[in-house]
Amino acid sequence: MGDFCRSLYGCFSRARTESLTFLVPFYLLRRRVGGVHAKRASVCFVISVDLVIFVSLFLGSVVMRLPTWLLIVINSGTMILGMTLRPAYPPQIDFTEEEKEANYQRKNLFLLFLMIIQHLSLFFNTKFVAYSFCGVGVCVITVLIQKQREYKNEKTGGKREKTG
C-alpha cells in the first residue's frame, strides 16, 4: 500500500522525476538490506509518504546545491558504507543464512551498477546523482537504526528499556 501511495504521489506531483529517482534505488535496496520497520502499517504509510515528499521537495534540492566534487565524495562514501553493511532485518522477517548472503551479494551488485550510472549521468547534470544518493542514504540510515535496535536488544537481553 505504501509503495502504491509513494508512486501515486510521484506521478501527480511536480516532482515526478525526483520522486522516481529517489524511490527506485531506495525500494530496490530496501528489499535486499531490510532496515527499521514501523510496528503498524498506518505509521509506515505516513512515514513513507512524508519521506518521499521531504526528499522530493526539499532534501534533494539541497543536495543538488552542493559542489559537484563534494556530492561525488559524499555519494561515494555512502555507496562504500552501503556495500560494507550487512543486511539488518527486523525480527518478523526470517531469512535463512543463504538468503541473507544472496541479498548481500545482490545489494552490492546493485550499488556497483548504480554508481556506474551515477558517474555517467554526471556528464549531463547532478540531479540523478543527488536524488539517487538520497535513496541510498536513507536506506543506509534505516539499516543503521535497525542494527542499533538489535544491539540494544542484545545488550538488554531482549527486554525493552523503559523511557521517560
N, C-alpha and C. Protein backbone atom coordinates (compact mmCIF):
# COMPACT_ATOMS: atom_id res chain seq x y z
N MET A 1 0.83 -1.19 0.00
CA MET A 1 0.00 0.00 0.00
C MET A 1 0.87 1.25 0.00
N GLY A 2 1.92 1.24 0.85
CA GLY A 2 2.80 2.40 0.94
C GLY A 2 3.52 2.66 -0.38
N ASP A 3 3.97 1.59 -1.04
CA ASP A 3 4.66 1.76 -2.33
C ASP A 3 3.71 2.36 -3.36
N PHE A 4 2.48 1.92 -3.35
CA PHE A 4 1.49 2.44 -4.28
C PHE A 4 1.28 3.94 -4.05
N CYS A 5 1.12 4.33 -2.80
CA CYS A 5 0.88 5.75 -2.49
C CYS A 5 2.10 6.62 -2.81
N ARG A 6 3.29 6.09 -2.54
CA ARG A 6 4.50 6.85 -2.88
C ARG A 6 4.57 7.06 -4.38
N SER A 7 4.28 6.01 -5.13
CA SER A 7 4.31 6.12 -6.58
C SER A 7 3.23 7.07 -7.08
N LEU A 8 2.06 6.99 -6.47
CA LEU A 8 0.96 7.88 -6.84
C LEU A 8 1.33 9.34 -6.60
N TYR A 9 1.94 9.62 -5.45
CA TYR A 9 2.38 10.98 -5.16
C TYR A 9 3.35 11.44 -6.25
N GLY A 10 4.32 10.59 -6.56
CA GLY A 10 5.32 10.95 -7.55
C GLY A 10 4.72 11.23 -8.92
N CYS A 11 3.72 10.45 -9.28
CA CYS A 11 3.10 10.62 -10.60
C CYS A 11 2.31 11.92 -10.72
N PHE A 12 1.69 12.35 -9.64
CA PHE A 12 0.83 13.52 -9.73
C PHE A 12 1.47 14.81 -9.21
N SER A 13 2.65 14.72 -8.69
CA SER A 13 3.30 15.93 -8.19
C SER A 13 4.14 16.56 -9.29
N ARG A 14 4.63 17.73 -9.00
CA ARG A 14 5.54 18.39 -9.94
C ARG A 14 6.91 17.75 -9.90
N ALA A 15 7.16 16.92 -8.91
CA ALA A 15 8.48 16.33 -8.72
C ALA A 15 8.50 14.86 -9.11
N ARG A 16 7.92 14.54 -10.26
CA ARG A 16 7.86 13.15 -10.71
C ARG A 16 9.24 12.53 -10.87
N THR A 17 10.10 13.20 -11.61
CA THR A 17 11.44 12.67 -11.87
C THR A 17 12.21 12.51 -10.56
N GLU A 18 12.13 13.53 -9.72
CA GLU A 18 12.84 13.49 -8.45
C GLU A 18 12.33 12.35 -7.56
N SER A 19 11.01 12.20 -7.51
CA SER A 19 10.42 11.14 -6.69
C SER A 19 10.87 9.76 -7.17
N LEU A 20 10.81 9.53 -8.47
CA LEU A 20 11.22 8.23 -9.01
C LEU A 20 12.71 7.98 -8.86
N THR A 21 13.51 9.03 -9.03
CA THR A 21 14.96 8.87 -8.91
C THR A 21 15.35 8.56 -7.47
N PHE A 22 14.56 9.01 -6.52
CA PHE A 22 14.77 8.65 -5.12
C PHE A 22 14.20 7.27 -4.82
N LEU A 23 12.98 7.01 -5.28
CA LEU A 23 12.26 5.79 -4.92
C LEU A 23 12.86 4.51 -5.48
N VAL A 24 13.29 4.54 -6.72
CA VAL A 24 13.78 3.29 -7.34
C VAL A 24 14.99 2.73 -6.59
N PRO A 25 16.06 3.52 -6.37
CA PRO A 25 17.17 2.96 -5.60
C PRO A 25 16.77 2.61 -4.16
N PHE A 26 15.96 3.46 -3.54
CA PHE A 26 15.54 3.20 -2.16
C PHE A 26 14.78 1.87 -2.08
N TYR A 27 13.81 1.69 -2.94
CA TYR A 27 12.98 0.49 -2.91
C TYR A 27 13.81 -0.77 -3.23
N LEU A 28 14.61 -0.71 -4.30
CA LEU A 28 15.38 -1.89 -4.69
C LEU A 28 16.41 -2.28 -3.62
N LEU A 29 17.01 -1.28 -2.99
CA LEU A 29 17.96 -1.57 -1.92
C LEU A 29 17.26 -2.09 -0.68
N ARG A 30 16.20 -1.44 -0.33
CA ARG A 30 15.46 -1.79 0.90
C ARG A 30 15.00 -3.24 0.87
N ARG A 31 14.66 -3.73 -0.32
CA ARG A 31 14.25 -5.14 -0.45
C ARG A 31 15.39 -6.08 -0.11
N ARG A 32 16.61 -5.65 -0.29
CA ARG A 32 17.78 -6.51 -0.08
C ARG A 32 18.39 -6.38 1.31
N VAL A 33 18.27 -5.20 1.92
CA VAL A 33 19.01 -4.98 3.16
C VAL A 33 18.14 -4.85 4.41
N GLY A 34 16.84 -4.81 4.24
CA GLY A 34 15.98 -4.69 5.41
C GLY A 34 15.99 -3.27 5.95
N GLY A 35 16.31 -3.14 7.20
CA GLY A 35 16.29 -1.83 7.85
C GLY A 35 15.13 -1.76 8.81
N VAL A 36 15.03 -0.64 9.49
CA VAL A 36 14.00 -0.47 10.50
C VAL A 36 12.61 -0.43 9.86
N HIS A 37 11.66 -1.01 10.55
CA HIS A 37 10.27 -1.04 10.08
C HIS A 37 9.37 -0.51 11.19
N ALA A 38 8.31 0.17 10.81
CA ALA A 38 7.32 0.63 11.78
C ALA A 38 6.54 -0.59 12.28
N LYS A 39 6.03 -0.46 13.49
CA LYS A 39 5.28 -1.58 14.07
C LYS A 39 3.88 -1.71 13.48
N ARG A 40 3.33 -0.60 13.00
CA ARG A 40 1.97 -0.63 12.43
C ARG A 40 2.01 -0.14 10.99
N ALA A 41 1.15 -0.70 10.18
CA ALA A 41 1.09 -0.33 8.76
C ALA A 41 0.71 1.14 8.58
N SER A 42 -0.16 1.65 9.42
CA SER A 42 -0.59 3.05 9.29
C SER A 42 0.58 4.00 9.54
N VAL A 43 1.43 3.67 10.50
CA VAL A 43 2.60 4.50 10.77
C VAL A 43 3.58 4.42 9.61
N CYS A 44 3.77 3.23 9.08
CA CYS A 44 4.64 3.04 7.92
C CYS A 44 4.15 3.87 6.74
N PHE A 45 2.85 3.85 6.52
CA PHE A 45 2.25 4.60 5.42
C PHE A 45 2.55 6.09 5.55
N VAL A 46 2.30 6.66 6.71
CA VAL A 46 2.51 8.09 6.93
C VAL A 46 3.98 8.45 6.78
N ILE A 47 4.85 7.66 7.37
CA ILE A 47 6.28 7.93 7.28
C ILE A 47 6.76 7.83 5.84
N SER A 48 6.29 6.83 5.12
CA SER A 48 6.71 6.63 3.73
C SER A 48 6.32 7.80 2.84
N VAL A 49 5.06 8.22 2.95
CA VAL A 49 4.61 9.34 2.13
C VAL A 49 5.36 10.62 2.51
N ASP A 50 5.49 10.86 3.80
CA ASP A 50 6.22 12.06 4.26
C ASP A 50 7.67 12.04 3.79
N LEU A 51 8.28 10.88 3.81
CA LEU A 51 9.67 10.75 3.39
C LEU A 51 9.84 11.11 1.91
N VAL A 52 8.96 10.59 1.08
CA VAL A 52 9.03 10.89 -0.36
C VAL A 52 8.83 12.39 -0.60
N ILE A 53 7.86 12.97 0.08
CA ILE A 53 7.61 14.41 -0.08
C ILE A 53 8.82 15.21 0.39
N PHE A 54 9.37 14.85 1.55
CA PHE A 54 10.52 15.57 2.10
C PHE A 54 11.72 15.52 1.16
N VAL A 55 12.03 14.33 0.65
CA VAL A 55 13.19 14.20 -0.25
C VAL A 55 12.91 14.88 -1.58
N SER A 56 11.73 14.66 -2.14
CA SER A 56 11.42 15.20 -3.47
C SER A 56 11.35 16.72 -3.50
N LEU A 57 10.82 17.31 -2.45
CA LEU A 57 10.60 18.75 -2.46
C LEU A 57 11.63 19.56 -1.67
N PHE A 58 12.43 18.90 -0.83
CA PHE A 58 13.37 19.66 -0.01
C PHE A 58 14.80 19.10 -0.06
N LEU A 59 15.01 17.92 0.48
CA LEU A 59 16.36 17.39 0.66
C LEU A 59 17.12 17.26 -0.66
N GLY A 60 16.47 16.74 -1.68
CA GLY A 60 17.14 16.57 -2.97
C GLY A 60 17.65 17.88 -3.53
N SER A 61 16.85 18.94 -3.43
CA SER A 61 17.30 20.23 -3.97
C SER A 61 18.44 20.81 -3.14
N VAL A 62 18.46 20.52 -1.84
CA VAL A 62 19.58 20.96 -1.00
C VAL A 62 20.85 20.23 -1.43
N VAL A 63 20.74 18.93 -1.65
CA VAL A 63 21.90 18.13 -2.07
C VAL A 63 22.40 18.59 -3.44
N MET A 64 21.49 18.98 -4.32
CA MET A 64 21.89 19.44 -5.65
C MET A 64 22.70 20.75 -5.60
N ARG A 65 22.56 21.51 -4.54
CA ARG A 65 23.31 22.76 -4.41
C ARG A 65 24.75 22.56 -3.97
N LEU A 66 25.07 21.35 -3.55
CA LEU A 66 26.45 21.06 -3.15
C LEU A 66 27.37 21.15 -4.36
N PRO A 67 28.62 21.55 -4.14
CA PRO A 67 29.57 21.49 -5.26
C PRO A 67 29.67 20.05 -5.77
N THR A 68 29.83 19.89 -7.06
CA THR A 68 29.84 18.56 -7.67
C THR A 68 30.88 17.65 -7.03
N TRP A 69 32.08 18.18 -6.79
CA TRP A 69 33.13 17.35 -6.19
C TRP A 69 32.72 16.84 -4.81
N LEU A 70 32.03 17.68 -4.03
CA LEU A 70 31.59 17.28 -2.70
C LEU A 70 30.48 16.23 -2.78
N LEU A 71 29.56 16.42 -3.72
CA LEU A 71 28.50 15.43 -3.93
C LEU A 71 29.10 14.08 -4.30
N ILE A 72 30.10 14.08 -5.16
CA ILE A 72 30.75 12.83 -5.57
C ILE A 72 31.41 12.15 -4.37
N VAL A 73 32.11 12.94 -3.54
CA VAL A 73 32.79 12.38 -2.37
C VAL A 73 31.79 11.80 -1.38
N ILE A 74 30.75 12.56 -1.06
CA ILE A 74 29.74 12.09 -0.10
C ILE A 74 28.99 10.88 -0.66
N ASN A 75 28.63 10.93 -1.91
CA ASN A 75 27.94 9.82 -2.54
C ASN A 75 28.81 8.57 -2.54
N SER A 76 30.08 8.72 -2.89
CA SER A 76 30.98 7.55 -2.92
C SER A 76 31.14 6.96 -1.52
N GLY A 77 31.25 7.82 -0.52
CA GLY A 77 31.35 7.33 0.86
C GLY A 77 30.10 6.57 1.28
N THR A 78 28.95 7.09 0.90
CA THR A 78 27.69 6.42 1.22
C THR A 78 27.59 5.09 0.50
N MET A 79 28.02 5.05 -0.75
CA MET A 79 27.99 3.79 -1.51
C MET A 79 28.92 2.76 -0.88
N ILE A 80 30.12 3.18 -0.49
CA ILE A 80 31.06 2.25 0.15
C ILE A 80 30.49 1.75 1.47
N LEU A 81 29.91 2.66 2.26
CA LEU A 81 29.27 2.24 3.52
C LEU A 81 28.15 1.25 3.22
N GLY A 82 27.35 1.55 2.20
CA GLY A 82 26.27 0.65 1.82
C GLY A 82 26.77 -0.72 1.40
N MET A 83 27.91 -0.76 0.73
CA MET A 83 28.46 -2.05 0.29
C MET A 83 29.02 -2.85 1.46
N THR A 84 29.51 -2.18 2.49
CA THR A 84 30.10 -2.91 3.61
C THR A 84 29.07 -3.36 4.65
N LEU A 85 27.92 -2.69 4.68
CA LEU A 85 26.90 -3.05 5.66
C LEU A 85 26.25 -4.39 5.34
N ARG A 86 26.15 -5.22 6.34
CA ARG A 86 25.40 -6.47 6.21
C ARG A 86 23.92 -6.12 6.37
N PRO A 87 23.03 -6.88 5.76
CA PRO A 87 21.61 -6.62 5.94
C PRO A 87 21.20 -6.70 7.41
N ALA A 88 20.19 -5.93 7.77
CA ALA A 88 19.65 -5.93 9.14
C ALA A 88 18.14 -6.03 9.04
N TYR A 89 17.64 -7.20 9.32
CA TYR A 89 16.21 -7.44 9.16
C TYR A 89 15.51 -7.38 10.51
N PRO A 90 14.31 -6.84 10.54
CA PRO A 90 13.54 -6.86 11.79
C PRO A 90 13.18 -8.29 12.17
N PRO A 91 12.86 -8.52 13.44
CA PRO A 91 12.61 -9.90 13.91
C PRO A 91 11.53 -10.65 13.15
N GLN A 92 10.53 -9.96 12.63
CA GLN A 92 9.43 -10.65 11.95
C GLN A 92 9.84 -11.22 10.59
N ILE A 93 10.99 -10.82 10.09
CA ILE A 93 11.47 -11.35 8.81
C ILE A 93 12.48 -12.45 9.10
N ASP A 94 12.21 -13.65 8.61
CA ASP A 94 13.02 -14.80 8.95
C ASP A 94 13.67 -15.39 7.70
N PHE A 95 14.84 -14.86 7.33
CA PHE A 95 15.59 -15.38 6.19
C PHE A 95 16.62 -16.40 6.66
N THR A 96 16.90 -17.36 5.81
CA THR A 96 18.00 -18.29 6.10
C THR A 96 19.32 -17.56 5.87
N GLU A 97 20.40 -18.14 6.33
CA GLU A 97 21.72 -17.53 6.13
C GLU A 97 22.06 -17.44 4.64
N GLU A 98 21.64 -18.45 3.86
CA GLU A 98 21.88 -18.43 2.42
C GLU A 98 21.14 -17.27 1.76
N GLU A 99 19.90 -17.04 2.17
CA GLU A 99 19.12 -15.93 1.62
C GLU A 99 19.74 -14.59 2.00
N LYS A 100 20.22 -14.48 3.23
CA LYS A 100 20.87 -13.24 3.66
C LYS A 100 22.13 -12.98 2.85
N GLU A 101 22.91 -14.02 2.60
CA GLU A 101 24.14 -13.87 1.82
C GLU A 101 23.81 -13.51 0.37
N ALA A 102 22.79 -14.13 -0.19
CA ALA A 102 22.38 -13.80 -1.56
C ALA A 102 21.92 -12.35 -1.65
N ASN A 103 21.16 -11.88 -0.66
CA ASN A 103 20.73 -10.49 -0.64
C ASN A 103 21.91 -9.53 -0.52
N TYR A 104 22.89 -9.91 0.28
CA TYR A 104 24.10 -9.10 0.45
C TYR A 104 24.83 -8.95 -0.90
N GLN A 105 24.98 -10.06 -1.61
CA GLN A 105 25.66 -10.02 -2.90
C GLN A 105 24.86 -9.23 -3.95
N ARG A 106 23.55 -9.42 -3.98
CA ARG A 106 22.71 -8.67 -4.93
C ARG A 106 22.74 -7.18 -4.62
N LYS A 107 22.73 -6.84 -3.34
CA LYS A 107 22.81 -5.44 -2.92
C LYS A 107 24.09 -4.81 -3.45
N ASN A 108 25.20 -5.50 -3.31
CA ASN A 108 26.47 -4.95 -3.76
C ASN A 108 26.53 -4.80 -5.27
N LEU A 109 25.98 -5.76 -6.00
CA LEU A 109 25.92 -5.64 -7.46
C LEU A 109 25.06 -4.44 -7.86
N PHE A 110 23.92 -4.28 -7.20
CA PHE A 110 23.05 -3.15 -7.49
C PHE A 110 23.77 -1.83 -7.21
N LEU A 111 24.44 -1.73 -6.07
CA LEU A 111 25.15 -0.48 -5.73
C LEU A 111 26.27 -0.19 -6.72
N LEU A 112 26.98 -1.20 -7.16
CA LEU A 112 28.02 -1.01 -8.16
C LEU A 112 27.43 -0.51 -9.47
N PHE A 113 26.35 -1.14 -9.91
CA PHE A 113 25.66 -0.73 -11.13
C PHE A 113 25.15 0.71 -11.00
N LEU A 114 24.55 1.04 -9.87
CA LEU A 114 24.04 2.38 -9.64
C LEU A 114 25.16 3.41 -9.65
N MET A 115 26.29 3.08 -9.05
CA MET A 115 27.41 4.01 -9.02
C MET A 115 27.93 4.29 -10.44
N ILE A 116 27.97 3.27 -11.27
CA ILE A 116 28.40 3.46 -12.67
C ILE A 116 27.44 4.39 -13.39
N ILE A 117 26.14 4.14 -13.22
CA ILE A 117 25.14 5.01 -13.87
C ILE A 117 25.24 6.43 -13.33
N GLN A 118 25.44 6.57 -12.05
CA GLN A 118 25.57 7.91 -11.46
C GLN A 118 26.74 8.66 -12.08
N HIS A 119 27.88 8.01 -12.19
CA HIS A 119 29.05 8.68 -12.74
C HIS A 119 28.86 9.04 -14.22
N LEU A 120 28.19 8.18 -14.96
CA LEU A 120 27.90 8.50 -16.35
C LEU A 120 26.92 9.67 -16.46
N SER A 121 25.97 9.73 -15.54
CA SER A 121 24.97 10.81 -15.58
C SER A 121 25.58 12.17 -15.25
N LEU A 122 26.73 12.19 -14.61
CA LEU A 122 27.37 13.46 -14.27
C LEU A 122 27.74 14.27 -15.52
N PHE A 123 27.84 13.61 -16.67
CA PHE A 123 28.13 14.33 -17.91
C PHE A 123 26.96 15.22 -18.32
N PHE A 124 25.77 14.93 -17.79
CA PHE A 124 24.58 15.69 -18.16
C PHE A 124 24.17 16.67 -17.06
N ASN A 125 23.97 16.17 -15.85
CA ASN A 125 23.67 17.03 -14.70
C ASN A 125 23.80 16.23 -13.41
N THR A 126 23.59 16.89 -12.28
CA THR A 126 23.77 16.21 -10.99
C THR A 126 22.45 15.72 -10.39
N LYS A 127 21.34 15.94 -11.05
CA LYS A 127 20.04 15.58 -10.46
C LYS A 127 19.94 14.10 -10.14
N PHE A 128 20.33 13.24 -11.09
CA PHE A 128 20.24 11.80 -10.86
C PHE A 128 21.10 11.39 -9.67
N VAL A 129 22.32 11.91 -9.61
CA VAL A 129 23.22 11.57 -8.51
C VAL A 129 22.63 12.04 -7.18
N ALA A 130 22.12 13.26 -7.15
CA ALA A 130 21.61 13.82 -5.91
C ALA A 130 20.43 13.02 -5.35
N TYR A 131 19.46 12.73 -6.19
CA TYR A 131 18.26 12.05 -5.70
C TYR A 131 18.48 10.56 -5.47
N SER A 132 19.30 9.92 -6.28
CA SER A 132 19.60 8.50 -6.02
C SER A 132 20.48 8.38 -4.79
N PHE A 133 21.36 9.36 -4.55
CA PHE A 133 22.14 9.39 -3.31
C PHE A 133 21.21 9.45 -2.11
N CYS A 134 20.16 10.26 -2.20
CA CYS A 134 19.18 10.35 -1.11
C CYS A 134 18.54 8.99 -0.87
N GLY A 135 18.20 8.26 -1.93
CA GLY A 135 17.60 6.94 -1.78
C GLY A 135 18.53 5.97 -1.08
N VAL A 136 19.79 5.96 -1.49
CA VAL A 136 20.77 5.07 -0.87
C VAL A 136 21.03 5.51 0.57
N GLY A 137 21.19 6.82 0.76
CA GLY A 137 21.48 7.34 2.09
C GLY A 137 20.38 7.03 3.10
N VAL A 138 19.13 7.23 2.71
CA VAL A 138 18.02 6.94 3.62
C VAL A 138 17.96 5.45 3.92
N CYS A 139 18.21 4.63 2.92
CA CYS A 139 18.20 3.18 3.13
C CYS A 139 19.31 2.77 4.10
N VAL A 140 20.50 3.32 3.92
CA VAL A 140 21.62 3.03 4.83
C VAL A 140 21.27 3.45 6.25
N ILE A 141 20.62 4.60 6.39
CA ILE A 141 20.23 5.07 7.73
C ILE A 141 19.25 4.09 8.37
N THR A 142 18.30 3.57 7.59
CA THR A 142 17.34 2.62 8.17
C THR A 142 18.03 1.34 8.63
N VAL A 143 19.05 0.92 7.90
CA VAL A 143 19.81 -0.27 8.30
C VAL A 143 20.58 0.01 9.59
N LEU A 144 21.20 1.19 9.67
CA LEU A 144 21.95 1.54 10.88
C LEU A 144 21.03 1.62 12.10
N ILE A 145 19.83 2.16 11.91
CA ILE A 145 18.86 2.22 13.02
C ILE A 145 18.47 0.82 13.46
N GLN A 146 18.21 -0.07 12.49
CA GLN A 146 17.86 -1.45 12.83
C GLN A 146 19.01 -2.15 13.55
N LYS A 147 20.23 -1.92 13.10
CA LYS A 147 21.39 -2.52 13.77
C LYS A 147 21.52 -2.00 15.20
N GLN A 148 21.25 -0.71 15.40
CA GLN A 148 21.28 -0.14 16.75
C GLN A 148 20.22 -0.79 17.62
N ARG A 149 19.03 -1.01 17.07
CA ARG A 149 17.97 -1.68 17.82
C ARG A 149 18.38 -3.10 18.20
N GLU A 150 19.00 -3.81 17.26
CA GLU A 150 19.45 -5.17 17.54
C GLU A 150 20.50 -5.17 18.64
N TYR A 151 21.43 -4.23 18.57
CA TYR A 151 22.48 -4.13 19.58
C TYR A 151 21.88 -3.85 20.95
N LYS A 152 20.95 -2.90 21.00
CA LYS A 152 20.28 -2.55 22.25
C LYS A 152 19.51 -3.75 22.80
N ASN A 153 18.85 -4.47 21.92
CA ASN A 153 18.07 -5.64 22.32
C ASN A 153 18.99 -6.73 22.89
N GLU A 154 20.13 -6.95 22.26
CA GLU A 154 21.09 -7.94 22.76
C GLU A 154 21.65 -7.51 24.11
N LYS A 155 21.92 -6.22 24.24
CA LYS A 155 22.51 -5.68 25.46
C LYS A 155 21.56 -5.81 26.64
N THR A 156 20.26 -5.64 26.40
CA THR A 156 19.29 -5.73 27.47
C THR A 156 18.70 -7.13 27.61
N GLY A 157 19.20 -8.06 26.84
CA GLY A 157 18.71 -9.44 26.92
C GLY A 157 17.31 -9.63 26.38
N GLY A 158 16.96 -8.80 25.39
CA GLY A 158 15.65 -8.91 24.76
C GLY A 158 14.56 -8.15 25.47
N LYS A 159 14.89 -7.51 26.60
CA LYS A 159 13.89 -6.71 27.32
C LYS A 159 13.91 -5.29 26.81
N ARG A 160 12.75 -4.69 26.73
CA ARG A 160 12.64 -3.31 26.29
C ARG A 160 12.96 -2.40 27.47
N GLU A 161 13.78 -1.38 27.19
CA GLU A 161 14.10 -0.43 28.23
C GLU A 161 12.96 0.57 28.38
N LYS A 162 12.72 0.98 29.63
CA LYS A 162 11.69 1.99 29.87
C LYS A 162 12.26 3.35 29.56
N THR A 163 11.42 4.19 28.98
CA THR A 163 11.85 5.56 28.68
C THR A 163 11.05 6.53 29.53
N GLY A 164 11.62 7.69 29.77
CA GLY A 164 10.89 8.74 30.47
C GLY A 164 11.08 8.77 31.88
